[in-house]
Amino acid sequence: VATGPLTGTSAATPTFAGMISVINDMLVAKGKPTVGFINPTLYAAAGADKSFLGFDVTTGNNKAGGCPAGFDAAEGWDPVTGLGTPTFEKLKAIFGVAEDAVVV
């Protein structure tokens, strides 16, 4: 179990935002528009393949503290993990920059 001041959403959200920012940079470098509002693209891709994004979290829940009822993780979208845990390679593929390498 992860503990400390920077876990869960506090760590995941800026990490995901960083991946999208790099993908935007890659698109702009190719003369293409940025990803914009990503939800329609992600949910359209989710309909075809439950593990399209990376890792579909199917176990666990958020039944703790101030939310004793909580929600359970399940296959596909669920209120606890959303669409799952993304991998950078799969995100790049969804937005059409899969073949590009990241240059640091």
C-alpha atoms as a PDB file:
ATOM      1  CA  VAL A   1       0.000   0.000   0.000  1.00  0.00           C
ATOM      2  CA  ALA A   2       1.418   3.352  -1.005  1.00  0.00           C
ATOM      3  CA  THR A   3       1.593   5.998   1.706  1.00  0.00           C
ATOM      4  CA  GLY A   4       2.993   9.468   1.972  1.00  0.00           C
ATOM      5  CA  PRO A   5       2.193  12.966   0.803  1.00  0.00           C
ATOM      6  CA  LEU A   6       2.353  12.196  -2.930  1.00  0.00           C
ATOM      7  CA  THR A   7       0.324   9.119  -3.846  1.00  0.00           C
ATOM      8  CA  GLY A   8      -2.854   8.305  -5.738  1.00  0.00           C
ATOM      9  CA  THR A   9      -4.417  11.083  -7.760  1.00  0.00           C
ATOM     10  CA  SER A  10      -1.884  13.614  -6.468  1.00  0.00           C
ATOM     11  CA  ALA A  11       0.832  11.691  -8.284  1.00  0.00           C
ATOM     12  CA  ALA A  12      -1.157  10.273 -11.210  1.00  0.00           C
ATOM     13  CA  THR A  13      -2.791  13.464 -12.471  1.00  0.00           C
ATOM     14  CA  PRO A  14       0.388  15.483 -13.092  1.00  0.00           C
ATOM     15  CA  THR A  15       2.054  12.403 -14.591  1.00  0.00           C
ATOM     16  CA  PHE A  16      -0.803  11.914 -17.056  1.00  0.00           C
ATOM     17  CA  ALA A  17      -0.828  15.639 -17.876  1.00  0.00           C
ATOM     18  CA  GLY A  18       2.903  15.448 -18.569  1.00  0.00           C
ATOM     19  CA  MET A  19       2.423  12.542 -20.983  1.00  0.00           C
ATOM     20  CA  ILE A  20      -0.281  14.464 -22.861  1.00  0.00           C
ATOM     21  CA  SER A  21       1.987  17.534 -22.980  1.00  0.00           C
ATOM     22  CA  VAL A  22       4.777  15.501 -24.568  1.00  0.00           C
ATOM     23  CA  ILE A  23       2.308  14.041 -27.084  1.00  0.00           C
ATOM     24  CA  ASN A  24       1.164  17.589 -27.912  1.00  0.00           C
ATOM     25  CA  ASP A  25       4.802  18.604 -28.487  1.00  0.00           C
ATOM     26  CA  MET A  26       5.289  15.619 -30.785  1.00  0.00           C
ATOM     27  CA  LEU A  27       2.157  16.494 -32.773  1.00  0.00           C
ATOM     28  CA  VAL A  28       3.141  20.158 -33.117  1.00  0.00           C
ATOM     29  CA  ALA A  29       6.622  19.117 -34.281  1.00  0.00           C
ATOM     30  CA  LYS A  30       4.891  17.201 -37.103  1.00  0.00           C
ATOM     31  CA  GLY A  31       2.757  20.223 -38.014  1.00  0.00           C
ATOM     32  CA  LYS A  32      -0.401  18.619 -36.586  1.00  0.00           C
ATOM     33  CA  PRO A  33      -2.879  20.123 -34.096  1.00  0.00           C
ATOM     34  CA  THR A  34      -2.683  19.283 -30.411  1.00  0.00           C
ATOM     35  CA  VAL A  35      -4.957  16.611 -28.921  1.00  0.00           C
ATOM     36  CA  GLY A  36      -7.482  19.131 -27.560  1.00  0.00           C
ATOM     37  CA  PHE A  37     -10.365  17.699 -25.534  1.00  0.00           C
ATOM     38  CA  ILE A  38      -9.226  14.071 -25.208  1.00  0.00           C
ATOM     39  CA  ASN A  39     -12.309  12.410 -23.693  1.00  0.00           C
ATOM     40  CA  PRO A  40     -14.093  11.603 -26.993  1.00  0.00           C
ATOM     41  CA  THR A  41     -10.920   9.996 -28.371  1.00  0.00           C
ATOM     42  CA  LEU A  42     -10.269   7.964 -25.224  1.00  0.00           C
ATOM     43  CA  TYR A  43     -13.844   6.728 -24.820  1.00  0.00           C
ATOM     44  CA  ALA A  44     -14.127   5.835 -28.515  1.00  0.00           C
ATOM     45  CA  ALA A  45     -10.942   3.778 -28.246  1.00  0.00           C
ATOM     46  CA  ALA A  46     -12.184   2.168 -25.009  1.00  0.00           C
ATOM     47  CA  GLY A  47     -15.256   0.790 -26.724  1.00  0.00           C
ATOM     48  CA  ALA A  48     -13.187  -1.449 -28.976  1.00  0.00           C
ATOM     49  CA  ASP A  49     -10.557  -2.725 -26.517  1.00  0.00           C
ATOM     50  CA  LYS A  50     -10.782  -2.706 -22.715  1.00  0.00           C
ATOM     51  CA  SER A  51      -6.974  -2.622 -22.356  1.00  0.00           C
ATOM     52  CA  PHE A  52      -6.475   0.005 -25.086  1.00  0.00           C
ATOM     53  CA  LEU A  53      -4.970   2.475 -22.653  1.00  0.00           C
ATOM     54  CA  GLY A  54      -2.542   0.198 -20.909  1.00  0.00           C
ATOM     55  CA  PHE A  55      -3.647  -1.646 -17.814  1.00  0.00           C
ATOM     56  CA  ASP A  56      -7.300  -2.140 -16.889  1.00  0.00           C
ATOM     57  CA  VAL A  57      -7.481  -2.115 -13.085  1.00  0.00           C
ATOM     58  CA  THR A  58     -10.121  -4.704 -12.147  1.00  0.00           C
ATOM     59  CA  THR A  59      -9.583  -5.241  -8.411  1.00  0.00           C
ATOM     60  CA  GLY A  60      -9.734  -2.934  -5.419  1.00  0.00           C
ATOM     61  CA  ASN A  61     -12.041  -0.212  -4.191  1.00  0.00           C
ATOM     62  CA  ASN A  62     -12.157   3.185  -2.528  1.00  0.00           C
ATOM     63  CA  LYS A  63     -14.101   2.079   0.550  1.00  0.00           C
ATOM     64  CA  ALA A  64     -12.119   3.959   3.162  1.00  0.00           C
ATOM     65  CA  GLY A  65     -12.265   6.976   5.415  1.00  0.00           C
ATOM     66  CA  GLY A  66     -15.124   9.309   4.583  1.00  0.00           C
ATOM     67  CA  CYS A  67     -16.566   7.018   1.894  1.00  0.00           C
ATOM     68  CA  PRO A  68     -17.455   3.689   3.561  1.00  0.00           C
ATOM     69  CA  ALA A  69     -19.896   2.748   0.772  1.00  0.00           C
ATOM     70  CA  GLY A  70     -17.363   3.479  -1.972  1.00  0.00           C
ATOM     71  CA  PHE A  71     -17.048   1.809  -5.356  1.00  0.00           C
ATOM     72  CA  ASP A  72     -15.402  -1.353  -6.626  1.00  0.00           C
ATOM     73  CA  ALA A  73     -13.006  -1.565  -9.544  1.00  0.00           C
ATOM     74  CA  ALA A  74     -14.369  -3.572 -12.489  1.00  0.00           C
ATOM     75  CA  GLU A  75     -13.534  -4.515 -16.074  1.00  0.00           C
ATOM     76  CA  GLY A  76     -13.635  -1.515 -18.393  1.00  0.00           C
ATOM     77  CA  TRP A  77     -14.657   1.895 -17.043  1.00  0.00           C
ATOM     78  CA  ASP A  78     -15.448   2.143 -13.339  1.00  0.00           C
ATOM     79  CA  PRO A  79     -15.788   5.056 -10.890  1.00  0.00           C
ATOM     80  CA  VAL A  80     -12.627   4.101  -8.978  1.00  0.00           C
ATOM     81  CA  THR A  81     -10.053   3.785 -11.764  1.00  0.00           C
ATOM     82  CA  GLY A  82     -11.813   5.323 -14.750  1.00  0.00           C
ATOM     83  CA  LEU A  83     -10.410   3.756 -17.911  1.00  0.00           C
ATOM     84  CA  GLY A  84      -7.409   2.276 -16.096  1.00  0.00           C
ATOM     85  CA  THR A  85      -3.709   3.046 -15.936  1.00  0.00           C
ATOM     86  CA  PRO A  86      -2.213   4.421 -19.152  1.00  0.00           C
ATOM     87  CA  THR A  87       1.115   3.493 -20.668  1.00  0.00           C
ATOM     88  CA  PHE A  88       2.931   6.159 -22.650  1.00  0.00           C
ATOM     89  CA  GLU A  89       3.363   3.898 -25.681  1.00  0.00           C
ATOM     90  CA  LYS A  90      -0.361   3.167 -25.912  1.00  0.00           C
ATOM     91  CA  LEU A  91      -1.266   6.845 -25.413  1.00  0.00           C
ATOM     92  CA  LYS A  92       1.069   7.792 -28.246  1.00  0.00           C
ATOM     93  CA  ALA A  93      -0.583   5.194 -30.480  1.00  0.00           C
ATOM     94  CA  ILE A  94      -4.066   6.518 -29.725  1.00  0.00           C
ATOM     95  CA  PHE A  95      -3.013  10.014 -30.796  1.00  0.00           C
ATOM     96  CA  GLY A  96      -1.019   8.943 -33.841  1.00  0.00           C
ATOM     97  CA  VAL A  97       2.570   9.406 -32.711  1.00  0.00           C
ATOM     98  CA  ALA A  98       3.361   5.793 -31.773  1.00  0.00           C
ATOM     99  CA  GLU A  99       6.382   5.528 -34.015  1.00  0.00           C
ATOM    100  CA  ASP A 100       8.007   8.672 -32.639  1.00  0.00           C
ATOM    101  CA  ALA A 101      10.795   8.493 -30.103  1.00  0.00           C
ATOM    102  CA  VAL A 102      10.979  11.002 -27.276  1.00  0.00           C
ATOM    103  CA  VAL A 103      14.181  13.024 -27.487  1.00  0.00           C
ATOM    104  CA  VAL A 104      15.335  14.484 -24.198  1.00  0.00           C
END
